[in-house]
C-alpha atoms as a PDB file:
ATOM      1  CA  UNK A   1     -18.390   1.661   6.966  1.00  0.00           C
ATOM      2  CA  UNK A   2     -16.528   3.099   9.949  1.00  0.00           C
ATOM      3  CA  UNK A   3     -12.804   3.839   9.814  1.00  0.00           C
ATOM      4  CA  UNK A   4     -12.074   0.791  11.992  1.00  0.00           C
ATOM      5  CA  UNK A   5     -13.632  -1.425   9.314  1.00  0.00           C
ATOM      6  CA  UNK A   6     -11.410  -0.057   6.571  1.00  0.00           C
ATOM      7  CA  UNK A   7      -8.197  -1.687   5.467  1.00  0.00           C
ATOM      8  CA  UNK A   8      -5.352   0.825   5.641  1.00  0.00           C
ATOM      9  CA  UNK A   9      -2.637   1.048   3.017  1.00  0.00           C
ATOM     10  CA  UNK A  10       0.596   2.679   4.135  1.00  0.00           C
ATOM     11  CA  UNK A  11       2.726   3.818   1.216  1.00  0.00           C
ATOM     12  CA  UNK A  12       5.933   5.663   0.419  1.00  0.00           C
ATOM     13  CA  UNK A  13       4.561   9.146  -0.140  1.00  0.00           C
ATOM     14  CA  UNK A  14       7.536  10.416  -2.150  1.00  0.00           C
ATOM     15  CA  UNK A  15       7.723   7.437  -4.529  1.00  0.00           C
ATOM     16  CA  UNK A  16       6.115   7.996  -7.935  1.00  0.00           C
ATOM     17  CA  UNK A  17       5.407   4.257  -8.352  1.00  0.00           C
ATOM     18  CA  UNK A  18       3.713   4.094  -4.934  1.00  0.00           C
ATOM     19  CA  UNK A  19       1.726   7.251  -5.690  1.00  0.00           C
ATOM     20  CA  UNK A  20       0.537   5.731  -8.971  1.00  0.00           C
ATOM     21  CA  UNK A  21      -0.337   2.517  -7.151  1.00  0.00           C
ATOM     22  CA  UNK A  22      -2.496   4.431  -4.652  1.00  0.00           C
ATOM     23  CA  UNK A  23      -4.333   6.147  -7.511  1.00  0.00           C
ATOM     24  CA  UNK A  24      -4.762   2.751  -9.202  1.00  0.00           C
ATOM     25  CA  UNK A  25      -6.295   1.246  -6.042  1.00  0.00           C
ATOM     26  CA  UNK A  26      -8.590   4.236  -5.443  1.00  0.00           C
ATOM     27  CA  UNK A  27      -9.981   3.961  -8.977  1.00  0.00           C
ATOM     28  CA  UNK A  28     -10.739   0.248  -8.510  1.00  0.00           C
ATOM     29  CA  UNK A  29     -11.901   0.305  -4.877  1.00  0.00           C
ATOM     30  CA  UNK A  30     -15.600  -0.023  -5.715  1.00  0.00           C
ATOM     31  CA  UNK A  31     -16.539  -1.009  -2.135  1.00  0.00           C
ATOM     32  CA  UNK A  32     -14.728   1.996  -0.567  1.00  0.00           C
ATOM     33  CA  UNK A  33     -12.745  -0.464   1.534  1.00  0.00           C
ATOM     34  CA  UNK A  34      -9.329   1.201   1.657  1.00  0.00           C
ATOM     35  CA  UNK A  35      -7.906   4.212   3.453  1.00  0.00           C
ATOM     36  CA  UNK A  36      -4.398   5.542   2.874  1.00  0.00           C
ATOM     37  CA  UNK A  37      -1.529   7.107   4.806  1.00  0.00           C
ATOM     38  CA  UNK A  38       1.970   8.035   3.698  1.00  0.00           C
ATOM     39  CA  UNK A  39       4.790   6.462   5.694  1.00  0.00           C
ATOM     40  CA  UNK A  40       6.391   9.905   6.040  1.00  0.00           C
ATOM     41  CA  UNK A  41       3.314  11.624   7.509  1.00  0.00           C
ATOM     42  CA  UNK A  42       2.196  11.558  11.149  1.00  0.00           C
ATOM     43  CA  UNK A  43      -0.724   9.093  10.776  1.00  0.00           C
ATOM     44  CA  UNK A  44       1.563   6.671   8.922  1.00  0.00           C
ATOM     45  CA  UNK A  45       4.372   7.036  11.472  1.00  0.00           C
ATOM     46  CA  UNK A  46       1.919   6.414  14.328  1.00  0.00           C
ATOM     47  CA  UNK A  47       0.623   3.242  12.677  1.00  0.00           C
ATOM     48  CA  UNK A  48       4.151   1.994  11.963  1.00  0.00           C
ATOM     49  CA  UNK A  49       4.919   2.346  15.652  1.00  0.00           C
ATOM     50  CA  UNK A  50       1.637   0.744  16.754  1.00  0.00           C
ATOM     51  CA  UNK A  51       2.178  -2.303  14.511  1.00  0.00           C
ATOM     52  CA  UNK A  52       5.929  -2.406  15.265  1.00  0.00           C
ATOM     53  CA  UNK A  53       6.885  -2.279  11.586  1.00  0.00           C
ATOM     54  CA  UNK A  54      10.563  -1.758  10.822  1.00  0.00           C
ATOM     55  CA  UNK A  55      10.837   0.428   7.718  1.00  0.00           C
ATOM     56  CA  UNK A  56      14.402  -0.755   7.164  1.00  0.00           C
ATOM     57  CA  UNK A  57      12.840  -4.129   6.288  1.00  0.00           C
ATOM     58  CA  UNK A  58       9.947  -2.799   4.213  1.00  0.00           C
ATOM     59  CA  UNK A  59       9.495   0.766   3.061  1.00  0.00           C
ATOM     60  CA  UNK A  60       6.854   0.738   0.372  1.00  0.00           C
ATOM     61  CA  UNK A  61       3.322  -0.757   0.502  1.00  0.00           C
ATOM     62  CA  UNK A  62       2.006  -2.098   3.823  1.00  0.00           C
ATOM     63  CA  UNK A  63      -1.563  -3.319   4.355  1.00  0.00           C
ATOM     64  CA  UNK A  64      -3.138  -3.044   7.800  1.00  0.00           C
ATOM     65  CA  UNK A  65      -6.210  -5.231   8.187  1.00  0.00           C
ATOM     66  CA  UNK A  66      -7.638  -5.285  11.695  1.00  0.00           C
ATOM     67  CA  UNK A  67      -4.827  -6.287  14.023  1.00  0.00           C
ATOM     68  CA  UNK A  68      -2.640  -7.726  11.240  1.00  0.00           C
ATOM     69  CA  UNK A  69      -0.007  -6.056   9.094  1.00  0.00           C
ATOM     70  CA  UNK A  70       0.973  -7.455   5.706  1.00  0.00           C
ATOM     71  CA  UNK A  71       4.040  -6.369   3.797  1.00  0.00           C
ATOM     72  CA  UNK A  72       5.642  -6.686   0.399  1.00  0.00           C
ATOM     73  CA  UNK A  73       4.055  -9.092  -2.110  1.00  0.00           C
ATOM     74  CA  UNK A  74       1.531 -10.413   0.405  1.00  0.00           C
ATOM     75  CA  UNK A  75       0.192  -6.888   0.963  1.00  0.00           C
ATOM     76  CA  UNK A  76      -0.016  -6.217  -2.785  1.00  0.00           C
ATOM     77  CA  UNK A  77      -1.850  -9.474  -3.486  1.00  0.00           C
ATOM     78  CA  UNK A  78      -4.266  -9.029  -0.567  1.00  0.00           C
ATOM     79  CA  UNK A  79      -5.058  -5.543  -1.894  1.00  0.00           C
ATOM     80  CA  UNK A  80      -5.628  -6.914  -5.414  1.00  0.00           C
ATOM     81  CA  UNK A  81      -8.058  -9.478  -3.963  1.00  0.00           C
ATOM     82  CA  UNK A  82     -10.463  -6.642  -3.059  1.00  0.00           C
ATOM     83  CA  UNK A  83     -10.301  -4.599  -6.268  1.00  0.00           C
ATOM     84  CA  UNK A  84     -12.891  -4.493  -9.017  1.00  0.00           C
ATOM     85  CA  UNK A  85     -12.487  -6.242 -12.357  1.00  0.00           C
ATOM     86  CA  UNK A  86     -10.237  -9.257 -12.857  1.00  0.00           C
ATOM     87  CA  UNK A  87      -7.618  -8.115 -10.312  1.00  0.00           C
ATOM     88  CA  UNK A  88      -8.777 -10.564  -7.598  1.00  0.00           C
ATOM     89  CA  UNK A  89      -7.433 -13.367  -9.814  1.00  0.00           C
ATOM     90  CA  UNK A  90      -3.921 -12.084  -9.037  1.00  0.00           C
ATOM     91  CA  UNK A  91      -4.444 -13.437  -5.528  1.00  0.00           C
ATOM     92  CA  UNK A  92      -3.684 -16.843  -7.059  1.00  0.00           C
ATOM     93  CA  UNK A  93      -0.014 -15.823  -6.988  1.00  0.00           C
ATOM     94  CA  UNK A  94      -0.181 -16.464  -3.226  1.00  0.00           C
ATOM     95  CA  UNK A  95       0.476 -20.101  -4.206  1.00  0.00           C
ATOM     96  CA  UNK A  96       4.022 -19.083  -5.163  1.00  0.00           C
ATOM     97  CA  UNK A  97       6.338 -19.361  -2.158  1.00  0.00           C
ATOM     98  CA  UNK A  98       6.736 -16.123  -0.224  1.00  0.00           C
ATOM     99  CA  UNK A  99      10.524 -15.957  -0.692  1.00  0.00           C
ATOM    100  CA  UNK A 100      10.125 -16.015  -4.495  1.00  0.00           C
ATOM    101  CA  UNK A 101       7.317 -13.431  -4.542  1.00  0.00           C
ATOM    102  CA  UNK A 102       9.250 -11.157  -2.187  1.00  0.00           C
ATOM    103  CA  UNK A 103      12.452 -11.483  -4.200  1.00  0.00           C
ATOM    104  CA  UNK A 104      10.621  -9.997  -7.203  1.00  0.00           C
ATOM    105  CA  UNK A 105       8.910  -7.403  -5.002  1.00  0.00           C
ATOM    106  CA  UNK A 106      12.201  -6.394  -3.338  1.00  0.00           C
ATOM    107  CA  UNK A 107      13.932  -6.073  -6.711  1.00  0.00           C
ATOM    108  CA  UNK A 108      11.306  -3.604  -7.957  1.00  0.00           C
ATOM    109  CA  UNK A 109      11.216  -1.768  -4.601  1.00  0.00           C
ATOM    110  CA  UNK A 110      14.994  -1.399  -4.592  1.00  0.00           C
ATOM    111  CA  UNK A 111      14.974   0.252  -8.035  1.00  0.00           C
ATOM    112  CA  UNK A 112      11.687   2.177  -7.827  1.00  0.00           C
ATOM    113  CA  UNK A 113      13.236   5.635  -7.393  1.00  0.00           C
ATOM    114  CA  UNK A 114      15.657   5.094 -10.276  1.00  0.00           C
ATOM    115  CA  UNK A 115      12.965   3.710 -12.609  1.00  0.00           C
ATOM    116  CA  UNK A 116       9.946   5.834 -11.636  1.00  0.00           C
ATOM    117  CA  UNK A 117      11.409   8.848  -9.878  1.00  0.00           C
ATOM    118  CA  UNK A 118      10.912  10.473  -6.522  1.00  0.00           C
ATOM    119  CA  UNK A 119       9.036  13.584  -5.386  1.00  0.00           C
ATOM    120  CA  UNK A 120      10.221  16.176  -2.893  1.00  0.00           C
ATOM    121  CA  UNK A 121       7.123  15.778  -0.708  1.00  0.00           C
ATOM    122  CA  UNK A 122       4.117  13.521  -0.207  1.00  0.00           C
ATOM    123  CA  UNK A 123       1.085  13.741  -2.460  1.00  0.00           C
ATOM    124  CA  UNK A 124      -1.674  16.131  -1.434  1.00  0.00           C
ATOM    125  CA  UNK A 125      -5.052  14.525  -2.137  1.00  0.00           C
ATOM    126  CA  UNK A 126      -7.708  16.483  -3.973  1.00  0.00           C
ATOM    127  CA  UNK A 127     -10.783  17.612  -2.026  1.00  0.00           C
ATOM    128  CA  UNK A 128     -12.888  14.697  -3.326  1.00  0.00           C
ATOM    129  CA  UNK A 129     -10.212  12.167  -2.296  1.00  0.00           C
ATOM    130  CA  UNK A 130      -9.283  13.698   1.056  1.00  0.00           C
ATOM    131  CA  UNK A 131     -11.741  11.447   2.947  1.00  0.00           C
ATOM    132  CA  UNK A 132      -9.757   8.400   1.797  1.00  0.00           C
ATOM    133  CA  UNK A 133      -6.596   9.582   3.573  1.00  0.00           C
ATOM    134  CA  UNK A 134      -5.899   9.464   7.295  1.00  0.00           C
END
């Protein structure tokens, strides 16, 4: 699978919850579908600019799939759809109106540093995981 065929997950590289979420996805990405970039690093910044994403509106998980960018709960559910195990069933939550799903998502995102903590710098992937990061 070439890089252009991968779905790209942009994440807050200093957020412990986001970091754990990336690890969670990597462990369940049986089809090697996802690639990752921190919002604070150059590849992430370049993609934010290319897709015209305003980080004042969303600053945690963003899914880039082809020419489309998905944010907040929609991004999380579209990611879950492609994971191994029973996680694709979570995609059923797409039936819940977007404003309700995003209210819950925004509440967690707003408190993520207080609840889960924050690092001084972005995660540095291990050698075996480096190919999954842009």
